[in-house]
Amino acid sequence: MRKMQWSQEVILFVLCFMFCSLQLGGTTLLVPSQYPTIQAGLNAAQAGDTVLVAPGTYVENIAWPSFDGIVLISEDGADTTAIDGDGGGRVIGFPNISFSNNTEIIGFTIQNGYAVQGAGIYISQGSPYIHENIIQRNIATGSSTWVYGGGIFCDGTGTPLIANNTIRGNAAKGDYWNYGGGIYIDNQNSATIWGNIIESDSTIGGYWNYGSGIYCDGGSSPDIRHNIIQNNVAFQGDRGHGAGIYVDNDCNAYILSNLICNNTAQSGSWNYGGGMLINSGAEVLNNTIVGNSCFGGNWNYGGGIRIYDSTNTIGNNIIVNNSASTGGGIYAASGDHATLLNNDVWNNTGGNYSGISPGPNDISVDPLFVAGPLGNYYLSQISAGQGQDSPCIDYGFATAESLELDTYTTRTDTVPDSAIVDIGYHYPTTAVVSVEENKPVSQNSTFRVTPSISRSQYKIYLTINAQTYLKLEVFDRSGRLQRTIFNGGLCPGEHELTWNGYNTTGNPASSGIYFITVEMGNSERLSKKVILIQ
């Protein structure tokens, strides 16, 4: 057999090609300019590739390919790019493969799915990263069967990351068992649900309508933090339980710093837990649970929280202005217990407590909410400009740092919490600004960013014709500050600066759409949109 001999030039070429491929980190496939559909783009992709989708509505029912590390991202975000199931099946289904968080879906409206389980997105076993999407109007439905997860179904032993999405108007709507209108977390799953708005989702019409916002099955271990869970409803049928959140037996749910408000359990007979119903194993810490209700049936218990079993910890929460016929704040039946620590339980219609005594350090006073940059449930504080201090300031049983709330705030001036934690929900400290690509700031300057899509860094070129003060910042699509690149004076001339794709914490920013903005003096802000693929 003849032995193949490679020249030094060929070897160098192969080594160069391998190095360049590693540096590039995969191929970007364009929809629809290269591939007519998202499914076609995904089918052509390999591990490490990115499928980049132009604005438009794509009527598809997508079967995700069996490769980990594919990133599906829109060019312009969820407001202009939709994947529409058109009632023909679920919108996106993942196969039974152990995907990692390197598999991502970013910046789409995912809507009008129709399936028995996981009408919007069905995740089987894996751990994809689902972020910056709008997931809406998906319906899980069926006859004489279990109907789970209108918006998202998380199956198996994975650890999916669901972050910074809006999950709204989804439903679980069947004849008997309707669980998880917004999100269903199955047995053994350890989903992280972080920073989402989960609103106006429903469980409708069955005998059992549980967890209209989020349903956590027994044996699961979800981490539920920093979400706004509001206006979800369990209605019709016989039972409406846990309209905001339902936590089943032996579920190790960690529920920290959520705003749970205006959720309603309104079935024909048993309505338990307008805000949440928790069985054994849950830790419920630093949430604001307000304006939730149970009504319309024969038994309406626990407007804020309905407790089952005896191994739950409920601490540092503000539970106010909820309503039920009995136990408007917290309700426990005979034999049900929980450890209550440093809560404010006040002004709940039907009584603040029923079947359970206040914790030794619980209080019952007006929390003195005030409106701030991101909502209506900040705490009044003299140091932030209000006339008096809320009794909830520095009233927690632990420090803000130990609960990882020292980068969040209860203050209208967005100063982070420190030392002993304030009780209740904590808002992000970063103010939200309006960002979009817009007109030049000044006729005396030029501003250019290259490339527009990158896996590593961006070069920012500025030409200044006069001495000026300049601020150069990076914001995400929601208007949250991610990085300050430069803040100071610049002399006339050409300047080159770099954003390396890292955020203010020194960590790589997530894949997604960002705006690099420059502001000179009192002039308008100029923004350039870029897409980062990590």
Protein backbone atom coordinates (compact mmCIF):
# COMPACT_ATOMS: atom_id res chain seq x y z
CA MET A 1 0.00 0.00 0.00
CA ARG A 2 1.29 3.41 -0.91
CA LYS A 3 1.89 5.65 2.08
CA MET A 4 0.47 9.17 1.77
CA GLN A 5 3.00 11.95 2.34
CA TRP A 6 1.89 15.47 3.32
CA SER A 7 4.02 18.47 2.55
CA GLN A 8 4.84 21.05 5.22
CA GLU A 9 2.55 23.50 3.40
CA VAL A 10 -0.44 21.12 3.61
CA ILE A 11 0.19 20.42 7.30
CA LEU A 12 0.41 24.13 8.04
CA PHE A 13 -2.81 24.76 6.08
CA VAL A 14 -4.66 22.05 8.04
CA LEU A 15 -3.38 23.38 11.36
CA CYS A 16 -4.38 26.91 10.38
CA PHE A 17 -7.83 25.73 9.34
CA MET A 18 -8.32 23.87 12.62
CA PHE A 19 -7.20 26.89 14.65
CA CYS A 20 -9.44 29.27 12.71
CA SER A 21 -12.41 26.93 13.10
CA LEU A 22 -11.87 26.85 16.85
CA GLN A 23 -11.57 30.62 16.95
CA LEU A 24 -14.74 31.14 14.93
CA GLY A 25 -16.65 28.70 17.14
CA GLY A 26 -19.09 27.49 14.49
CA THR A 27 -21.00 28.68 11.46
CA THR A 28 -23.82 31.24 11.29
CA LEU A 29 -26.74 30.06 9.14
CA LEU A 30 -29.14 32.74 7.91
CA VAL A 31 -32.93 32.39 7.70
CA PRO A 32 -34.51 33.05 5.24
CA SER A 33 -31.70 34.29 2.97
CA GLN A 34 -29.83 30.95 3.05
CA TYR A 35 -32.50 28.62 4.41
CA PRO A 36 -36.21 29.25 3.76
CA THR A 37 -37.45 28.07 7.16
CA ILE A 38 -36.16 27.90 10.72
CA GLN A 39 -36.54 24.11 10.60
CA ALA A 40 -34.34 23.96 7.50
CA GLY A 41 -31.69 26.10 9.19
CA LEU A 42 -31.73 23.93 12.30
CA ASN A 43 -31.55 20.74 10.24
CA ALA A 44 -28.41 22.05 8.54
CA ALA A 45 -26.76 23.14 11.80
CA GLN A 46 -24.15 21.23 13.76
CA ALA A 47 -22.94 21.57 17.34
CA GLY A 48 -21.56 25.08 17.89
CA ASP A 49 -23.50 26.66 14.99
CA THR A 50 -25.86 29.63 15.17
CA VAL A 51 -29.13 29.95 13.26
CA LEU A 52 -29.81 33.67 12.82
CA VAL A 53 -33.37 34.60 11.85
CA ALA A 54 -34.50 37.82 10.15
CA PRO A 55 -37.68 39.59 11.31
CA GLY A 56 -40.98 38.05 10.24
CA THR A 57 -43.58 35.48 11.23
CA TYR A 58 -42.60 31.86 10.57
CA VAL A 59 -45.49 29.39 10.68
CA GLU A 60 -43.73 26.24 11.81
CA ASN A 61 -43.86 23.34 14.26
CA ILE A 62 -40.20 22.75 14.98
CA ALA A 63 -38.51 19.47 15.90
CA TRP A 64 -35.13 20.39 17.43
CA PRO A 65 -32.19 18.44 15.97
CA SER A 66 -30.12 15.99 18.03
CA PHE A 67 -27.11 18.24 18.48
CA ASP A 68 -26.12 20.13 21.61
CA GLY A 69 -24.78 23.67 21.36
CA ILE A 70 -26.96 25.10 18.58
CA VAL A 71 -28.02 28.71 19.18
CA LEU A 72 -31.29 29.90 17.62
CA ILE A 73 -31.45 33.70 17.75
CA SER A 74 -33.43 36.43 16.02
CA GLU A 75 -31.80 39.46 14.44
CA ASP A 76 -34.20 41.96 15.95
CA GLY A 77 -35.84 40.43 19.01
CA ALA A 78 -39.19 39.00 19.99
CA ASP A 79 -41.24 42.06 19.04
CA THR A 80 -40.57 41.55 15.34
CA THR A 81 -39.81 37.82 14.99
CA ALA A 82 -42.41 35.14 15.70
CA ILE A 83 -42.57 31.36 15.44
CA ASP A 84 -46.27 30.60 15.08
CA GLY A 85 -47.56 27.07 15.62
CA ASP A 86 -50.87 28.02 13.97
CA GLY A 87 -52.71 25.50 16.15
CA GLY A 88 -51.09 22.62 14.26
CA GLY A 89 -49.04 21.19 17.14
CA ARG A 90 -46.47 22.39 19.66
CA VAL A 91 -44.24 25.19 18.46
CA ILE A 92 -40.84 23.74 19.52
CA GLY A 93 -40.15 20.20 20.72
CA PHE A 94 -36.81 18.91 22.02
CA PRO A 95 -35.88 15.23 21.69
CA ASN A 96 -34.91 13.07 24.66
CA ILE A 97 -31.26 14.13 24.70
CA SER A 98 -29.18 15.72 27.47
CA PHE A 99 -28.79 19.18 25.99
CA SER A 100 -26.68 21.67 27.97
CA ASN A 101 -27.23 25.39 28.54
CA ASN A 102 -25.14 25.90 25.38
CA THR A 103 -28.31 25.11 23.43
CA GLU A 104 -30.19 28.41 23.34
CA ILE A 105 -33.38 30.02 22.05
CA ILE A 106 -33.20 33.83 22.11
CA GLY A 107 -35.45 36.64 20.99
CA PHE A 108 -38.64 35.11 19.54
CA THR A 109 -42.36 35.32 20.06
CA ILE A 110 -43.38 31.66 20.40
CA GLN A 111 -47.13 31.45 19.97
CA ASN A 112 -50.26 29.53 19.03
CA GLY A 113 -48.98 26.09 19.89
CA TYR A 114 -51.47 23.30 20.52
CA ALA A 115 -50.60 20.00 22.24
CA VAL A 116 -51.51 17.83 25.22
CA GLN A 117 -48.23 18.72 26.95
CA GLY A 118 -45.83 21.56 26.26
CA ALA A 119 -47.78 23.46 23.63
CA GLY A 120 -45.24 26.27 23.38
CA ILE A 121 -41.96 24.49 24.20
CA TYR A 122 -41.53 20.85 25.24
CA ILE A 123 -38.17 20.07 26.89
CA SER A 124 -37.44 16.35 27.33
CA GLN A 125 -34.56 15.58 29.71
CA GLY A 126 -32.24 18.34 28.52
CA SER A 127 -31.12 21.70 29.89
CA PRO A 128 -31.47 24.33 27.16
CA TYR A 129 -31.24 28.05 27.90
CA ILE A 130 -34.50 29.80 26.95
CA HIS A 131 -34.23 33.58 27.28
CA GLU A 132 -35.48 36.96 26.06
CA ASN A 133 -38.57 35.45 24.42
CA ILE A 134 -42.31 36.14 24.47
CA ILE A 135 -44.17 32.85 24.94
CA GLN A 136 -47.87 33.48 24.46
CA ARG A 137 -51.28 32.07 23.51
CA ASN A 138 -50.19 28.42 23.58
CA ILE A 139 -52.84 25.91 24.69
CA ALA A 140 -52.23 22.50 26.24
CA THR A 141 -55.46 20.57 25.81
CA GLY A 142 -56.89 17.07 25.64
CA SER A 143 -59.82 14.86 26.62
CA SER A 144 -59.76 12.43 29.57
CA THR A 145 -56.03 12.87 30.07
CA TRP A 146 -53.41 14.89 31.95
CA VAL A 147 -52.88 18.29 30.36
CA TYR A 148 -49.58 19.90 31.35
CA GLY A 149 -47.62 23.03 30.46
CA GLY A 150 -49.38 25.46 28.16
CA GLY A 151 -46.31 27.65 27.73
CA ILE A 152 -43.37 25.38 28.67
CA PHE A 153 -43.14 21.75 29.82
CA CYS A 154 -39.87 20.74 31.56
CA ASP A 155 -39.62 16.94 31.58
CA GLY A 156 -37.04 14.54 32.99
CA THR A 157 -33.89 15.11 35.01
CA GLY A 158 -32.55 18.22 33.25
CA THR A 159 -31.73 21.67 34.58
CA PRO A 160 -33.18 24.02 31.93
CA LEU A 161 -32.56 27.73 32.41
CA ILE A 162 -35.65 29.87 31.70
CA ALA A 163 -34.74 33.53 32.11
CA ASN A 164 -35.99 37.00 31.22
CA ASN A 165 -38.95 35.82 29.16
CA THR A 166 -42.50 37.09 29.11
CA ILE A 167 -44.80 34.07 29.47
CA ARG A 168 -48.38 35.26 29.04
CA GLY A 169 -51.82 34.18 27.99
CA ASN A 170 -51.04 30.46 27.88
CA ALA A 171 -53.48 27.82 29.14
CA ALA A 172 -53.83 24.25 30.31
CA LYS A 173 -57.38 23.45 29.30
CA GLY A 174 -58.74 19.91 29.44
CA ASP A 175 -61.56 17.86 30.94
CA TYR A 176 -59.80 16.58 34.07
CA TRP A 177 -56.21 17.44 35.09
CA ASN A 178 -54.92 20.87 34.04
CA TYR A 179 -51.51 21.66 35.51
CA GLY A 180 -49.14 24.53 34.70
CA GLY A 181 -50.76 27.09 32.44
CA GLY A 182 -47.50 29.01 32.10
CA ILE A 183 -44.80 26.48 33.12
CA TYR A 184 -44.96 22.84 34.21
CA ILE A 185 -41.91 21.36 36.00
CA ASP A 186 -42.00 17.58 36.01
CA ASN A 187 -40.81 15.06 38.59
CA GLN A 188 -37.00 15.11 39.07
CA ASN A 189 -36.53 18.28 37.02
CA SER A 190 -34.36 21.10 38.44
CA ALA A 191 -35.34 24.06 36.29
CA THR A 192 -34.06 27.54 37.07
CA ILE A 193 -36.83 30.08 36.47
CA TRP A 194 -35.27 33.51 36.81
CA GLY A 195 -36.36 37.06 35.99
CA ASN A 196 -39.45 36.24 33.94
CA ILE A 197 -42.82 37.95 33.74
CA ILE A 198 -45.42 35.17 34.08
CA GLU A 199 -48.83 36.73 33.61
CA SER A 200 -52.40 36.07 32.52
CA ASP A 201 -51.85 32.33 32.21
CA SER A 202 -54.67 29.98 33.18
CA THR A 203 -55.80 26.49 34.08
CA ILE A 204 -59.38 26.10 32.92
CA GLY A 205 -62.34 23.84 33.16
CA GLY A 206 -61.10 20.55 34.54
CA TYR A 207 -61.78 18.92 37.87
CA TRP A 208 -58.23 19.85 38.93
CA ASN A 209 -56.83 23.24 37.84
CA TYR A 210 -53.45 23.64 39.54
CA GLY A 211 -50.54 26.07 39.13
CA SER A 212 -51.84 28.52 36.57
CA GLY A 213 -48.54 30.42 36.58
CA ILE A 214 -46.11 27.65 37.59
CA TYR A 215 -46.73 24.03 38.60
CA CYS A 216 -43.91 22.17 40.40
CA ASP A 217 -44.42 18.39 40.47
CA GLY A 218 -43.42 16.17 43.40
CA GLY A 219 -39.74 15.29 43.43
CA SER A 220 -38.68 18.32 41.38
CA SER A 221 -36.19 20.91 42.66
CA PRO A 222 -36.89 24.20 40.88
CA ASP A 223 -35.09 27.46 41.67
CA ILE A 224 -37.68 30.24 41.21
CA ARG A 225 -36.25 33.75 41.69
CA HIS A 226 -36.84 37.37 40.73
CA ASN A 227 -39.98 36.72 38.69
CA ILE A 228 -43.15 38.78 38.47
CA ILE A 229 -46.05 36.32 38.68
CA GLN A 230 -49.31 38.21 38.20
CA ASN A 231 -52.90 38.03 36.98
CA ASN A 232 -52.91 34.26 36.55
CA VAL A 233 -56.22 32.47 37.14
CA ALA A 234 -57.54 28.98 37.91
CA PHE A 235 -61.22 28.89 37.14
CA GLN A 236 -64.24 26.78 36.22
CA GLY A 237 -64.30 23.09 37.10
CA ASP A 238 -64.14 21.85 40.71
CA ARG A 239 -60.71 22.82 42.09
CA GLY A 240 -58.57 25.91 41.63
CA HIS A 241 -55.32 25.53 43.57
CA GLY A 242 -52.17 27.66 43.58
CA ALA A 243 -53.11 30.17 40.90
CA GLY A 244 -49.69 31.82 41.08
CA ILE A 245 -47.52 28.83 42.05
CA TYR A 246 -48.45 25.25 43.00
CA VAL A 247 -45.79 23.17 44.80
CA ASP A 248 -46.60 19.45 45.05
CA ASN A 249 -45.51 16.89 47.70
CA ASP A 250 -41.79 16.40 48.31
CA CYS A 251 -40.85 19.20 45.93
CA ASN A 252 -37.68 21.01 47.01
CA ALA A 253 -38.69 24.35 45.56
CA TYR A 254 -36.60 27.41 46.39
CA ILE A 255 -38.83 30.47 45.89
CA LEU A 256 -36.89 33.71 46.45
CA SER A 257 -37.69 37.37 45.78
CA ASN A 258 -40.70 37.08 43.51
CA LEU A 259 -43.55 39.55 43.17
CA ILE A 260 -46.69 37.39 43.33
CA CYS A 261 -49.71 39.61 42.82
CA ASN A 262 -53.34 39.63 41.68
CA ASN A 263 -53.62 35.91 40.99
CA THR A 264 -57.06 34.31 41.41
CA ALA A 265 -58.38 30.86 42.30
CA GLN A 266 -62.02 30.85 41.20
CA SER A 267 -63.41 27.37 40.57
CA GLY A 268 -66.83 26.02 41.42
CA SER A 269 -65.95 24.23 44.69
CA TRP A 270 -62.45 24.19 46.27
CA ASN A 271 -60.23 27.26 45.85
CA TYR A 272 -56.96 27.06 47.78
CA GLY A 273 -53.96 29.37 47.55
CA GLY A 274 -54.60 32.37 45.34
CA GLY A 275 -50.94 33.37 45.49
CA MET A 276 -49.48 29.92 46.08
CA LEU A 277 -50.20 26.49 47.47
CA ILE A 278 -47.20 24.71 48.97
CA ASN A 279 -46.89 21.10 50.02
CA SER A 280 -43.82 19.75 51.79
CA GLY A 281 -40.27 20.87 51.16
CA ALA A 282 -40.58 24.46 49.93
CA GLU A 283 -38.50 27.45 51.04
CA VAL A 284 -40.46 30.66 50.45
CA LEU A 285 -38.24 33.66 51.17
CA ASN A 286 -38.36 37.41 50.54
CA ASN A 287 -41.42 37.45 48.29
CA THR A 288 -44.09 40.13 48.13
CA ILE A 289 -47.46 38.36 47.97
CA VAL A 290 -50.17 40.96 47.44
CA GLY A 291 -53.68 41.25 46.03
CA ASN A 292 -54.28 37.53 45.44
CA SER A 293 -57.69 35.97 46.06
CA CYS A 294 -59.79 32.83 46.41
CA PHE A 295 -63.49 33.14 45.77
CA GLY A 296 -66.51 31.71 43.98
CA GLY A 297 -66.60 28.19 45.38
CA ASN A 298 -67.83 26.56 48.56
CA TRP A 299 -64.38 26.46 50.18
CA ASN A 300 -62.06 29.46 49.63
CA TYR A 301 -58.93 29.18 51.79
CA GLY A 302 -55.55 30.92 51.76
CA GLY A 303 -55.74 34.04 49.62
CA GLY A 304 -51.98 34.55 49.92
CA ILE A 305 -50.65 31.08 50.83
CA ARG A 306 -52.30 27.71 51.44
CA ILE A 307 -49.99 25.39 53.45
CA TYR A 308 -49.96 21.61 53.38
CA ASP A 309 -47.71 19.29 55.43
CA SER A 310 -45.04 20.44 57.89
CA THR A 311 -41.62 20.98 56.28
CA ASN A 312 -42.06 24.36 54.62
CA THR A 313 -40.14 27.48 55.61
CA ILE A 314 -41.86 30.82 55.03
CA GLY A 315 -39.66 33.78 55.91
CA ASN A 316 -38.99 37.44 55.13
CA ASN A 317 -42.17 37.75 53.07
CA ILE A 318 -44.66 40.60 52.83
CA ILE A 319 -48.15 39.05 52.65
CA VAL A 320 -50.73 41.83 52.46
CA ASN A 321 -54.09 42.76 50.93
CA ASN A 322 -54.99 39.21 49.88
CA SER A 323 -58.49 37.79 50.31
CA ALA A 324 -60.35 34.54 50.96
CA SER A 325 -63.34 33.51 53.03
CA THR A 326 -60.92 32.01 55.58
CA GLY A 327 -57.21 32.71 55.99
CA GLY A 328 -56.84 35.60 53.60
CA GLY A 329 -53.12 35.77 54.40
CA ILE A 330 -52.00 32.23 55.33
CA TYR A 331 -54.21 29.16 55.77
CA ALA A 332 -53.28 25.76 57.21
CA ALA A 333 -55.70 22.90 57.94
CA SER A 334 -55.46 20.66 60.97
CA GLY A 335 -52.11 18.85 60.95
CA ASP A 336 -50.49 21.27 58.49
CA HIS A 337 -47.56 23.34 59.76
CA ALA A 338 -44.73 25.57 58.58
CA THR A 339 -41.84 27.49 60.09
CA LEU A 340 -42.73 31.19 59.93
CA LEU A 341 -39.87 33.69 60.24
CA ASN A 342 -39.97 37.50 60.13
CA ASN A 343 -42.94 37.96 57.80
CA ASP A 344 -45.24 40.97 57.57
CA VAL A 345 -48.81 39.61 57.31
CA TRP A 346 -51.29 42.48 57.26
CA ASN A 347 -54.73 43.59 56.11
CA ASN A 348 -55.81 40.31 54.53
CA THR A 349 -59.56 39.84 54.08
CA GLY A 350 -60.71 36.66 55.86
CA GLY A 351 -58.00 37.01 58.50
CA ASN A 352 -54.22 37.18 58.41
CA TYR A 353 -53.82 33.61 59.71
CA SER A 354 -56.10 30.60 59.95
CA GLY A 355 -55.08 27.24 61.40
CA ILE A 356 -51.55 28.49 62.11
CA SER A 357 -50.13 30.98 64.59
CA PRO A 358 -47.89 33.89 63.63
CA GLY A 359 -44.19 33.21 63.81
CA PRO A 360 -42.44 34.62 66.87
CA ASN A 361 -40.99 37.50 64.85
CA ASP A 362 -43.86 38.02 62.41
CA ILE A 363 -45.35 41.52 62.33
CA SER A 364 -48.68 42.84 61.09
CA VAL A 365 -48.24 46.44 59.95
CA ASP A 366 -48.59 48.53 56.81
CA PRO A 367 -45.40 47.89 54.77
CA LEU A 368 -45.59 51.41 53.30
CA PHE A 369 -45.20 50.59 49.63
CA VAL A 370 -44.16 53.38 47.25
CA ALA A 371 -43.91 53.53 43.47
CA GLY A 372 -40.44 53.49 41.92
CA PRO A 373 -38.64 53.06 38.60
CA LEU A 374 -39.82 49.48 37.95
CA GLY A 375 -43.08 49.15 39.87
CA ASN A 376 -45.31 49.92 42.83
CA TYR A 377 -43.86 47.78 45.59
CA TYR A 378 -40.69 49.53 46.70
CA LEU A 379 -40.41 50.31 50.43
CA SER A 380 -40.68 53.84 51.78
CA GLN A 381 -37.29 55.02 53.08
CA ILE A 382 -36.25 58.41 54.37
CA SER A 383 -32.76 57.96 52.92
CA ALA A 384 -34.33 57.48 49.46
CA GLY A 385 -36.42 60.66 49.71
CA GLN A 386 -39.67 59.46 51.28
CA GLY A 387 -41.19 60.87 54.47
CA GLN A 388 -40.90 57.77 56.69
CA ASP A 389 -39.25 54.38 56.92
CA SER A 390 -41.07 51.15 56.19
CA PRO A 391 -41.13 48.70 59.11
CA CYS A 392 -39.90 46.06 56.64
CA ILE A 393 -36.45 47.67 56.32
CA ASP A 394 -33.67 45.58 57.89
CA TYR A 395 -36.24 43.21 59.37
CA GLY A 396 -35.15 39.90 57.82
CA PHE A 397 -33.59 36.96 59.64
CA ALA A 398 -30.43 36.94 57.49
CA THR A 399 -28.15 39.30 55.59
CA ALA A 400 -28.79 40.49 52.06
CA GLU A 401 -25.44 39.02 50.99
CA SER A 402 -26.23 35.55 52.37
CA LEU A 403 -29.46 35.49 50.35
CA GLU A 404 -27.73 36.90 47.23
CA LEU A 405 -29.92 40.01 47.39
CA ASP A 406 -27.09 42.50 47.89
CA THR A 407 -27.20 43.45 44.19
CA TYR A 408 -30.98 44.05 44.33
CA THR A 409 -32.97 46.81 45.98
CA THR A 410 -36.15 47.82 47.80
CA ARG A 411 -35.30 51.53 47.44
CA THR A 412 -36.64 53.93 44.85
CA ASP A 413 -33.14 55.37 44.37
CA THR A 414 -31.98 51.80 43.49
CA VAL A 415 -29.23 51.67 46.16
CA PRO A 416 -28.61 47.93 46.75
CA ASP A 417 -29.70 46.23 49.96
CA SER A 418 -26.94 45.55 52.50
CA ALA A 419 -26.39 44.20 56.01
CA ILE A 420 -29.65 42.78 57.46
CA VAL A 421 -31.96 42.10 54.53
CA ASP A 422 -35.14 44.10 53.94
CA ILE A 423 -38.14 41.77 53.75
CA GLY A 424 -40.20 41.35 50.60
CA TYR A 425 -39.46 41.42 46.89
CA HIS A 426 -36.27 43.10 45.69
CA TYR A 427 -36.15 44.91 42.35
CA PRO A 428 -33.13 44.94 40.00
CA THR A 429 -30.85 47.88 40.75
CA THR A 430 -30.22 48.72 37.11
CA ALA A 431 -32.53 51.41 35.79
CA VAL A 432 -34.21 50.59 32.49
CA VAL A 433 -33.74 53.02 29.62
CA SER A 434 -35.28 53.08 26.16
CA VAL A 435 -32.77 51.84 23.60
CA GLU A 436 -33.00 51.56 19.83
CA GLU A 437 -30.86 52.41 16.84
CA ASN A 438 -31.33 56.10 16.23
CA LYS A 439 -30.00 59.26 14.60
CA PRO A 440 -26.52 60.76 15.12
CA VAL A 441 -25.80 62.66 18.29
CA SER A 442 -23.80 65.44 16.77
CA GLN A 443 -22.73 66.72 13.37
CA ASN A 444 -19.24 67.04 14.83
CA SER A 445 -18.72 63.32 15.42
CA THR A 446 -18.92 59.91 13.76
CA PHE A 447 -19.73 56.65 15.53
CA ARG A 448 -19.17 53.17 14.09
CA VAL A 449 -19.27 49.66 15.60
CA THR A 450 -17.89 46.56 13.92
CA PRO A 451 -18.74 43.76 13.53
CA SER A 452 -22.51 43.70 14.02
CA ILE A 453 -22.43 40.00 14.98
CA SER A 454 -19.60 38.57 17.06
CA ARG A 455 -18.60 35.73 19.35
CA SER A 456 -15.93 37.73 21.16
CA GLN A 457 -15.53 41.48 20.88
CA TYR A 458 -16.60 44.67 19.16
CA LYS A 459 -14.53 47.62 18.01
CA ILE A 460 -16.05 51.08 18.54
CA TYR A 461 -14.68 53.89 16.39
CA LEU A 462 -15.31 57.53 17.30
CA THR A 463 -14.17 60.65 15.49
CA ILE A 464 -14.49 63.76 17.66
CA ASN A 465 -14.00 67.27 16.23
CA ALA A 466 -14.01 69.11 19.54
CA GLN A 467 -13.11 68.47 23.17
CA THR A 468 -16.14 66.74 24.74
CA TYR A 469 -17.41 64.72 27.66
CA LEU A 470 -18.51 61.28 26.51
CA LYS A 471 -20.23 58.23 28.00
CA LEU A 472 -20.05 54.90 26.17
CA GLU A 473 -22.29 52.12 27.55
CA VAL A 474 -23.77 48.74 26.67
CA PHE A 475 -27.44 47.94 27.34
CA ASP A 476 -29.39 44.75 26.78
CA ARG A 477 -32.60 44.74 24.78
CA SER A 478 -34.69 45.40 27.89
CA GLY A 479 -32.75 48.59 28.57
CA ARG A 480 -30.66 47.28 31.48
CA LEU A 481 -27.10 48.56 31.72
CA GLN A 482 -24.60 45.77 31.11
CA ARG A 483 -21.26 47.60 30.92
CA THR A 484 -19.80 51.10 31.01
CA ILE A 485 -16.94 51.12 28.51
CA PHE A 486 -15.88 54.75 28.94
CA ASN A 487 -17.02 57.73 30.98
CA GLY A 488 -14.94 60.87 30.74
CA GLY A 489 -13.45 63.55 28.51
CA LEU A 490 -12.01 62.99 25.05
CA CYS A 491 -9.85 65.30 22.97
CA PRO A 492 -10.44 65.90 19.24
CA GLY A 493 -9.38 63.12 16.90
CA GLU A 494 -10.02 59.46 16.14
CA HIS A 495 -10.55 57.03 19.00
CA GLU A 496 -10.85 53.24 19.10
CA LEU A 497 -12.44 51.43 22.04
CA THR A 498 -13.42 47.80 22.62
CA TRP A 499 -16.25 45.91 24.26
CA ASN A 500 -15.06 42.38 25.05
CA GLY A 501 -18.53 40.91 25.58
CA TYR A 502 -18.31 41.01 29.38
CA ASN A 503 -20.81 42.59 31.78
CA THR A 504 -20.30 44.70 34.90
CA THR A 505 -19.72 41.64 37.09
CA GLY A 506 -16.74 40.59 34.97
CA ASN A 507 -18.58 37.60 33.50
CA PRO A 508 -19.39 36.94 29.85
CA ALA A 509 -22.72 38.47 28.88
CA SER A 510 -25.37 36.04 27.65
CA SER A 511 -25.98 35.57 23.95
CA GLY A 512 -28.49 38.09 22.68
CA ILE A 513 -29.15 41.54 21.27
CA TYR A 514 -27.32 44.51 22.79
CA PHE A 515 -27.07 48.22 22.12
CA ILE A 516 -23.74 50.03 22.30
CA THR A 517 -24.60 53.63 23.06
CA VAL A 518 -22.70 56.89 23.09
CA GLU A 519 -23.85 60.08 24.77
CA MET A 520 -21.99 63.39 24.40
CA GLY A 521 -22.71 66.24 26.74
CA ASN A 522 -26.42 67.03 26.74
CA SER A 523 -26.99 65.65 23.25
CA GLU A 524 -29.27 62.74 22.37
CA ARG A 525 -28.01 59.20 22.77
CA LEU A 526 -26.83 57.32 19.67
CA SER A 527 -27.16 53.52 19.72
CA LYS A 528 -25.83 50.76 17.51
CA LYS A 529 -27.41 47.31 17.70
CA VAL A 530 -25.11 44.27 17.89
CA ILE A 531 -25.71 40.54 18.34
CA LEU A 532 -23.48 38.64 20.75
CA ILE A 533 -23.20 34.87 20.42
CA GLN A 534 -21.30 33.29 23.30
